[in-house]
Amino acid sequence: MDAKRPVVYICSKYRGDVKANTEMARRYCRFAVDQGCVPIAPHLLLPQFMDEETERELALSIGIALL
């Protein structure tokens, strides 16, 4: 594997239909990998340990920091 793959930030909807939106984000990430990139998708990672309802602003600021 090439260690110099470009990193891409995956930005897509999360709120609303979370299940469908999460699936689309996963597809976007897979597409990025297939194109030779390293996807960064905070909205797939952060909900694993943060609460969307009470920590949304913090999660958004973390996403911006990653960007």
N, C-alpha and C. Protein backbone atom coordinates (compact mmCIF):
# COMPACT_ATOMS: atom_id res chain seq x y z
N MET A 1 0.85 -1.20 0.00
CA MET A 1 0.00 0.00 0.00
C MET A 1 0.88 1.24 0.00
N ASP A 2 0.47 2.22 -0.75
CA ASP A 2 1.20 3.47 -0.86
C ASP A 2 0.93 4.34 0.36
N ALA A 3 1.98 4.68 1.10
CA ALA A 3 1.83 5.50 2.31
C ALA A 3 1.55 6.96 1.97
N LYS A 4 1.58 7.31 0.71
CA LYS A 4 1.38 8.71 0.31
C LYS A 4 0.01 8.95 -0.30
N ARG A 5 -0.95 8.16 0.10
CA ARG A 5 -2.31 8.36 -0.40
C ARG A 5 -2.85 9.71 0.09
N PRO A 6 -3.57 10.43 -0.75
CA PRO A 6 -4.16 11.69 -0.30
C PRO A 6 -5.28 11.44 0.72
N VAL A 7 -5.37 12.32 1.69
CA VAL A 7 -6.43 12.26 2.69
C VAL A 7 -7.59 13.12 2.20
N VAL A 8 -8.81 12.57 2.24
CA VAL A 8 -10.00 13.34 1.85
C VAL A 8 -10.99 13.37 3.01
N TYR A 9 -11.59 14.52 3.20
CA TYR A 9 -12.57 14.73 4.24
C TYR A 9 -13.95 14.45 3.65
N ILE A 10 -14.65 13.49 4.21
CA ILE A 10 -15.98 13.13 3.71
C ILE A 10 -17.02 13.96 4.47
N CYS A 11 -17.73 14.78 3.73
CA CYS A 11 -18.76 15.65 4.31
C CYS A 11 -20.10 15.27 3.69
N SER A 12 -21.01 14.80 4.52
CA SER A 12 -22.34 14.45 4.04
C SER A 12 -23.33 14.56 5.20
N LYS A 13 -24.60 14.46 4.88
CA LYS A 13 -25.65 14.60 5.91
C LYS A 13 -25.54 13.51 6.97
N TYR A 14 -25.92 13.87 8.20
CA TYR A 14 -26.02 12.89 9.28
C TYR A 14 -27.42 12.96 9.90
N ARG A 15 -27.85 14.16 10.26
CA ARG A 15 -29.16 14.34 10.89
C ARG A 15 -30.29 13.93 9.96
N GLY A 16 -31.45 13.74 10.54
CA GLY A 16 -32.62 13.34 9.75
C GLY A 16 -32.70 11.82 9.73
N ASP A 17 -32.57 11.25 8.57
CA ASP A 17 -32.59 9.80 8.43
C ASP A 17 -31.17 9.28 8.68
N VAL A 18 -30.83 9.14 9.96
CA VAL A 18 -29.47 8.79 10.36
C VAL A 18 -29.02 7.48 9.74
N LYS A 19 -29.89 6.50 9.69
CA LYS A 19 -29.52 5.20 9.14
C LYS A 19 -29.14 5.32 7.66
N ALA A 20 -29.98 5.95 6.88
CA ALA A 20 -29.70 6.11 5.45
C ALA A 20 -28.51 7.02 5.22
N ASN A 21 -28.41 8.09 5.99
CA ASN A 21 -27.31 9.03 5.83
C ASN A 21 -25.97 8.39 6.21
N THR A 22 -25.99 7.55 7.23
CA THR A 22 -24.78 6.84 7.62
C THR A 22 -24.35 5.87 6.53
N GLU A 23 -25.31 5.19 5.95
CA GLU A 23 -24.99 4.26 4.87
C GLU A 23 -24.39 5.00 3.67
N MET A 24 -24.92 6.16 3.34
CA MET A 24 -24.36 6.94 2.23
C MET A 24 -22.93 7.38 2.56
N ALA A 25 -22.68 7.81 3.78
CA ALA A 25 -21.33 8.21 4.17
C ALA A 25 -20.37 7.04 4.05
N ARG A 26 -20.82 5.86 4.43
CA ARG A 26 -19.98 4.67 4.28
C ARG A 26 -19.66 4.41 2.81
N ARG A 27 -20.64 4.61 1.95
CA ARG A 27 -20.41 4.42 0.50
C ARG A 27 -19.41 5.44 -0.03
N TYR A 28 -19.55 6.69 0.41
CA TYR A 28 -18.60 7.72 -0.01
C TYR A 28 -17.18 7.36 0.43
N CYS A 29 -17.05 6.85 1.66
CA CYS A 29 -15.74 6.44 2.16
C CYS A 29 -15.18 5.29 1.33
N ARG A 30 -16.01 4.33 1.03
CA ARG A 30 -15.56 3.19 0.22
C ARG A 30 -15.09 3.67 -1.16
N PHE A 31 -15.86 4.61 -1.74
CA PHE A 31 -15.48 5.17 -3.04
C PHE A 31 -14.11 5.83 -2.94
N ALA A 32 -13.89 6.60 -1.88
CA ALA A 32 -12.60 7.28 -1.69
C ALA A 32 -11.46 6.26 -1.62
N VAL A 33 -11.66 5.19 -0.88
CA VAL A 33 -10.64 4.14 -0.79
C VAL A 33 -10.38 3.53 -2.16
N ASP A 34 -11.45 3.26 -2.89
CA ASP A 34 -11.31 2.67 -4.22
C ASP A 34 -10.57 3.60 -5.19
N GLN A 35 -10.61 4.90 -4.91
CA GLN A 35 -9.92 5.88 -5.74
C GLN A 35 -8.49 6.13 -5.26
N GLY A 36 -8.08 5.40 -4.22
CA GLY A 36 -6.71 5.52 -3.73
C GLY A 36 -6.51 6.57 -2.65
N CYS A 37 -7.60 6.97 -2.00
CA CYS A 37 -7.54 7.99 -0.95
C CYS A 37 -7.76 7.40 0.43
N VAL A 38 -7.44 8.21 1.44
CA VAL A 38 -7.71 7.86 2.83
C VAL A 38 -8.88 8.73 3.29
N PRO A 39 -10.05 8.16 3.51
CA PRO A 39 -11.21 8.98 3.91
C PRO A 39 -11.21 9.28 5.41
N ILE A 40 -11.56 10.52 5.73
CA ILE A 40 -11.79 10.94 7.11
C ILE A 40 -13.26 11.35 7.18
N ALA A 41 -14.04 10.65 7.99
CA ALA A 41 -15.49 10.92 8.10
C ALA A 41 -15.86 11.01 9.58
N PRO A 42 -15.70 12.19 10.17
CA PRO A 42 -15.98 12.35 11.61
C PRO A 42 -17.40 11.94 11.99
N HIS A 43 -18.36 12.14 11.09
CA HIS A 43 -19.74 11.81 11.42
C HIS A 43 -19.99 10.30 11.45
N LEU A 44 -19.03 9.50 11.03
CA LEU A 44 -19.12 8.05 11.24
C LEU A 44 -18.41 7.65 12.53
N LEU A 45 -17.39 8.37 12.89
CA LEU A 45 -16.62 8.04 14.09
C LEU A 45 -17.22 8.62 15.37
N LEU A 46 -17.47 9.91 15.39
CA LEU A 46 -17.86 10.58 16.63
C LEU A 46 -19.16 10.07 17.26
N PRO A 47 -20.18 9.71 16.49
CA PRO A 47 -21.40 9.19 17.13
C PRO A 47 -21.18 7.86 17.88
N GLN A 48 -20.04 7.24 17.68
CA GLN A 48 -19.75 6.00 18.39
C GLN A 48 -19.56 6.24 19.89
N PHE A 49 -19.16 7.48 20.24
CA PHE A 49 -18.90 7.77 21.65
C PHE A 49 -19.40 9.14 22.12
N MET A 50 -20.09 9.86 21.21
CA MET A 50 -20.66 11.16 21.57
C MET A 50 -22.15 11.15 21.27
N ASP A 51 -22.89 11.98 22.01
CA ASP A 51 -24.34 12.07 21.85
C ASP A 51 -24.69 13.23 20.92
N GLU A 52 -25.35 12.93 19.83
CA GLU A 52 -25.73 13.95 18.84
C GLU A 52 -26.59 15.05 19.46
N GLU A 53 -27.48 14.68 20.32
CA GLU A 53 -28.41 15.66 20.90
C GLU A 53 -27.73 16.62 21.87
N THR A 54 -26.86 16.13 22.71
CA THR A 54 -26.28 16.98 23.76
C THR A 54 -24.86 17.46 23.45
N GLU A 55 -24.19 16.86 22.48
CA GLU A 55 -22.81 17.22 22.20
C GLU A 55 -22.57 17.61 20.74
N ARG A 56 -23.63 18.00 20.07
CA ARG A 56 -23.53 18.33 18.64
C ARG A 56 -22.51 19.41 18.35
N GLU A 57 -22.54 20.50 19.09
CA GLU A 57 -21.61 21.60 18.83
C GLU A 57 -20.16 21.17 19.04
N LEU A 58 -19.92 20.39 20.08
CA LEU A 58 -18.57 19.88 20.33
C LEU A 58 -18.14 18.96 19.18
N ALA A 59 -19.03 18.09 18.74
CA ALA A 59 -18.70 17.18 17.63
C ALA A 59 -18.40 17.97 16.36
N LEU A 60 -19.17 19.01 16.10
CA LEU A 60 -18.92 19.84 14.92
C LEU A 60 -17.55 20.53 15.02
N SER A 61 -17.20 21.00 16.20
CA SER A 61 -15.90 21.66 16.35
C SER A 61 -14.75 20.67 16.19
N ILE A 62 -14.95 19.43 16.62
CA ILE A 62 -13.93 18.40 16.41
C ILE A 62 -13.79 18.10 14.92
N GLY A 63 -14.91 18.03 14.22
CA GLY A 63 -14.87 17.82 12.78
C GLY A 63 -14.12 18.92 12.06
N ILE A 64 -14.35 20.15 12.47
CA ILE A 64 -13.64 21.30 11.87
C ILE A 64 -12.15 21.20 12.16
N ALA A 65 -11.79 20.80 13.38
CA ALA A 65 -10.37 20.64 13.72
C ALA A 65 -9.71 19.59 12.84
N LEU A 66 -10.43 18.52 12.54
CA LEU A 66 -9.89 17.47 11.67
C LEU A 66 -9.73 17.98 10.24
N LEU A 67 -10.65 18.84 9.84
CA LEU A 67 -10.60 19.39 8.49
C LEU A 67 -9.37 20.25 8.33
